Amino acid sequence: MSALNEKIATAQAPTIPEILMVIRELNQAHQAYALTLPAELRLQIARQFHTHYLWLLRQRVNFGFDRAQQGYFLYLPAIKQEDNL
């Protein structure tokens, strides 16, 4: 996880495998969060979710949330073309 946090902190353009890894981590945090968990654990999960969500936004990754599947997914093309010009 530390390698991912290092990647999140850098300003390099993300690769598709990196984007998919962040979305997978985002989904894991989303699915793990439950009000029945102790407050400290909920806070840790919420911070992980927030970090990954913001990274996707900052990288201008084209992603969305599927309410039926209850998960985040990657739109293709992954990076908005107008942002890369």
C-alpha atoms as a PDB file:
ATOM      1  CA  MET A   1       0.000   0.000   0.000  1.00  0.00           C
ATOM      2  CA  SER A   2       2.913   2.390   0.580  1.00  0.00           C
ATOM      3  CA  ALA A   3       3.881   2.211  -3.107  1.00  0.00           C
ATOM      4  CA  LEU A   4       0.341   3.236  -4.009  1.00  0.00           C
ATOM      5  CA  ASN A   5       0.462   6.136  -1.548  1.00  0.00           C
ATOM      6  CA  GLU A   6       3.762   7.246  -3.088  1.00  0.00           C
ATOM      7  CA  LYS A   7       2.195   7.095  -6.547  1.00  0.00           C
ATOM      8  CA  ILE A   8      -0.805   9.048  -5.317  1.00  0.00           C
ATOM      9  CA  ALA A   9       1.523  11.770  -4.023  1.00  0.00           C
ATOM     10  CA  THR A  10       3.345  12.180  -7.351  1.00  0.00           C
ATOM     11  CA  ALA A  11       2.234  14.306 -10.276  1.00  0.00           C
ATOM     12  CA  GLN A  12       3.031  11.741 -12.987  1.00  0.00           C
ATOM     13  CA  ALA A  13       0.390  10.819 -15.528  1.00  0.00           C
ATOM     14  CA  PRO A  14      -1.303   7.604 -14.401  1.00  0.00           C
ATOM     15  CA  THR A  15      -1.270   4.383 -16.377  1.00  0.00           C
ATOM     16  CA  ILE A  16      -4.397   2.272 -16.902  1.00  0.00           C
ATOM     17  CA  PRO A  17      -3.164  -0.436 -14.467  1.00  0.00           C
ATOM     18  CA  GLU A  18      -2.544   2.249 -11.826  1.00  0.00           C
ATOM     19  CA  ILE A  19      -5.993   3.734 -12.367  1.00  0.00           C
ATOM     20  CA  LEU A  20      -7.584   0.289 -12.084  1.00  0.00           C
ATOM     21  CA  MET A  21      -5.636  -0.378  -8.882  1.00  0.00           C
ATOM     22  CA  VAL A  22      -6.891   2.893  -7.358  1.00  0.00           C
ATOM     23  CA  ILE A  23     -10.482   2.118  -8.397  1.00  0.00           C
ATOM     24  CA  ARG A  24     -10.146  -1.363  -6.877  1.00  0.00           C
ATOM     25  CA  GLU A  25      -8.907   0.189  -3.605  1.00  0.00           C
ATOM     26  CA  LEU A  26     -11.736   2.742  -3.743  1.00  0.00           C
ATOM     27  CA  ASN A  27     -14.295  -0.051  -4.135  1.00  0.00           C
ATOM     28  CA  GLN A  28     -12.733  -2.045  -1.291  1.00  0.00           C
ATOM     29  CA  ALA A  29     -12.982   0.960   1.017  1.00  0.00           C
ATOM     30  CA  HIS A  30     -16.550   1.644  -0.122  1.00  0.00           C
ATOM     31  CA  GLN A  31     -17.599  -1.959   0.546  1.00  0.00           C
ATOM     32  CA  ALA A  32     -15.723  -2.215   3.852  1.00  0.00           C
ATOM     33  CA  TYR A  33     -17.306   0.844   5.441  1.00  0.00           C
ATOM     34  CA  ALA A  34     -20.072  -0.043   7.887  1.00  0.00           C
ATOM     35  CA  LEU A  35     -21.611   1.914  10.745  1.00  0.00           C
ATOM     36  CA  THR A  36     -21.266  -1.132  12.990  1.00  0.00           C
ATOM     37  CA  LEU A  37     -17.459  -0.897  12.857  1.00  0.00           C
ATOM     38  CA  PRO A  38     -15.523   0.843  15.637  1.00  0.00           C
ATOM     39  CA  ALA A  39     -15.066   4.583  15.059  1.00  0.00           C
ATOM     40  CA  GLU A  40     -11.294   4.331  14.588  1.00  0.00           C
ATOM     41  CA  LEU A  41     -11.659   1.716  11.864  1.00  0.00           C
ATOM     42  CA  ARG A  42     -14.425   3.693  10.133  1.00  0.00           C
ATOM     43  CA  LEU A  43     -12.183   6.761  10.133  1.00  0.00           C
ATOM     44  CA  GLN A  44      -9.276   4.792   8.660  1.00  0.00           C
ATOM     45  CA  ILE A  45     -11.499   3.395   5.895  1.00  0.00           C
ATOM     46  CA  ALA A  46     -12.999   6.827   5.194  1.00  0.00           C
ATOM     47  CA  ARG A  47      -9.526   8.373   4.890  1.00  0.00           C
ATOM     48  CA  GLN A  48      -8.440   5.647   2.463  1.00  0.00           C
ATOM     49  CA  PHE A  49     -11.584   6.184   0.379  1.00  0.00           C
ATOM     50  CA  HIS A  50     -11.121   9.961   0.382  1.00  0.00           C
ATOM     51  CA  THR A  51      -7.452   9.722  -0.648  1.00  0.00           C
ATOM     52  CA  HIS A  52      -8.228   7.471  -3.605  1.00  0.00           C
ATOM     53  CA  TYR A  53     -11.305   9.432  -4.676  1.00  0.00           C
ATOM     54  CA  LEU A  54      -9.392  12.721  -4.683  1.00  0.00           C
ATOM     55  CA  TRP A  55      -6.509  11.168  -6.603  1.00  0.00           C
ATOM     56  CA  LEU A  56      -8.898  10.067  -9.341  1.00  0.00           C
ATOM     57  CA  LEU A  57     -10.392  13.563  -9.502  1.00  0.00           C
ATOM     58  CA  ARG A  58      -6.995  15.284  -9.563  1.00  0.00           C
ATOM     59  CA  GLN A  59      -5.789  12.994 -12.335  1.00  0.00           C
ATOM     60  CA  ARG A  60      -8.977  13.815 -14.269  1.00  0.00           C
ATOM     61  CA  VAL A  61      -9.853  10.143 -14.530  1.00  0.00           C
ATOM     62  CA  ASN A  62     -13.212   9.527 -16.159  1.00  0.00           C
ATOM     63  CA  PHE A  63     -14.949   7.271 -13.596  1.00  0.00           C
ATOM     64  CA  GLY A  64     -18.429   6.787 -12.226  1.00  0.00           C
ATOM     65  CA  PHE A  65     -20.539   4.916  -9.688  1.00  0.00           C
ATOM     66  CA  ASP A  66     -22.955   2.118 -10.617  1.00  0.00           C
ATOM     67  CA  ARG A  67     -25.839   2.122  -8.136  1.00  0.00           C
ATOM     68  CA  ALA A  68     -27.024  -1.339  -9.166  1.00  0.00           C
ATOM     69  CA  GLN A  69     -23.564  -2.904  -8.696  1.00  0.00           C
ATOM     70  CA  GLN A  70     -22.694  -0.580  -5.779  1.00  0.00           C
ATOM     71  CA  GLY A  71     -19.242   0.054  -7.172  1.00  0.00           C
ATOM     72  CA  TYR A  72     -17.025   2.538  -8.969  1.00  0.00           C
ATOM     73  CA  PHE A  73     -15.971   1.876 -12.545  1.00  0.00           C
ATOM     74  CA  LEU A  74     -13.769   3.342 -15.254  1.00  0.00           C
ATOM     75  CA  TYR A  75     -15.286   5.017 -18.300  1.00  0.00           C
ATOM     76  CA  LEU A  76     -13.316   4.664 -21.514  1.00  0.00           C
ATOM     77  CA  PRO A  77     -11.423   6.672 -22.570  1.00  0.00           C
ATOM     78  CA  ALA A  78     -10.059   6.763 -19.039  1.00  0.00           C
ATOM     79  CA  ILE A  79      -8.504  10.222 -19.235  1.00  0.00           C
ATOM     80  CA  LYS A  80     -10.479  13.096 -20.720  1.00  0.00           C
ATOM     81  CA  GLN A  81      -8.863  14.080 -24.024  1.00  0.00           C
ATOM     82  CA  GLU A  82      -9.396  17.834 -23.639  1.00  0.00           C
ATOM     83  CA  ASP A  83      -7.441  17.742 -20.372  1.00  0.00           C
ATOM     84  CA  ASN A  84      -4.363  16.235 -22.021  1.00  0.00           C
ATOM     85  CA  LEU A  85      -3.876  18.848 -24.744  1.00  0.00           C
END
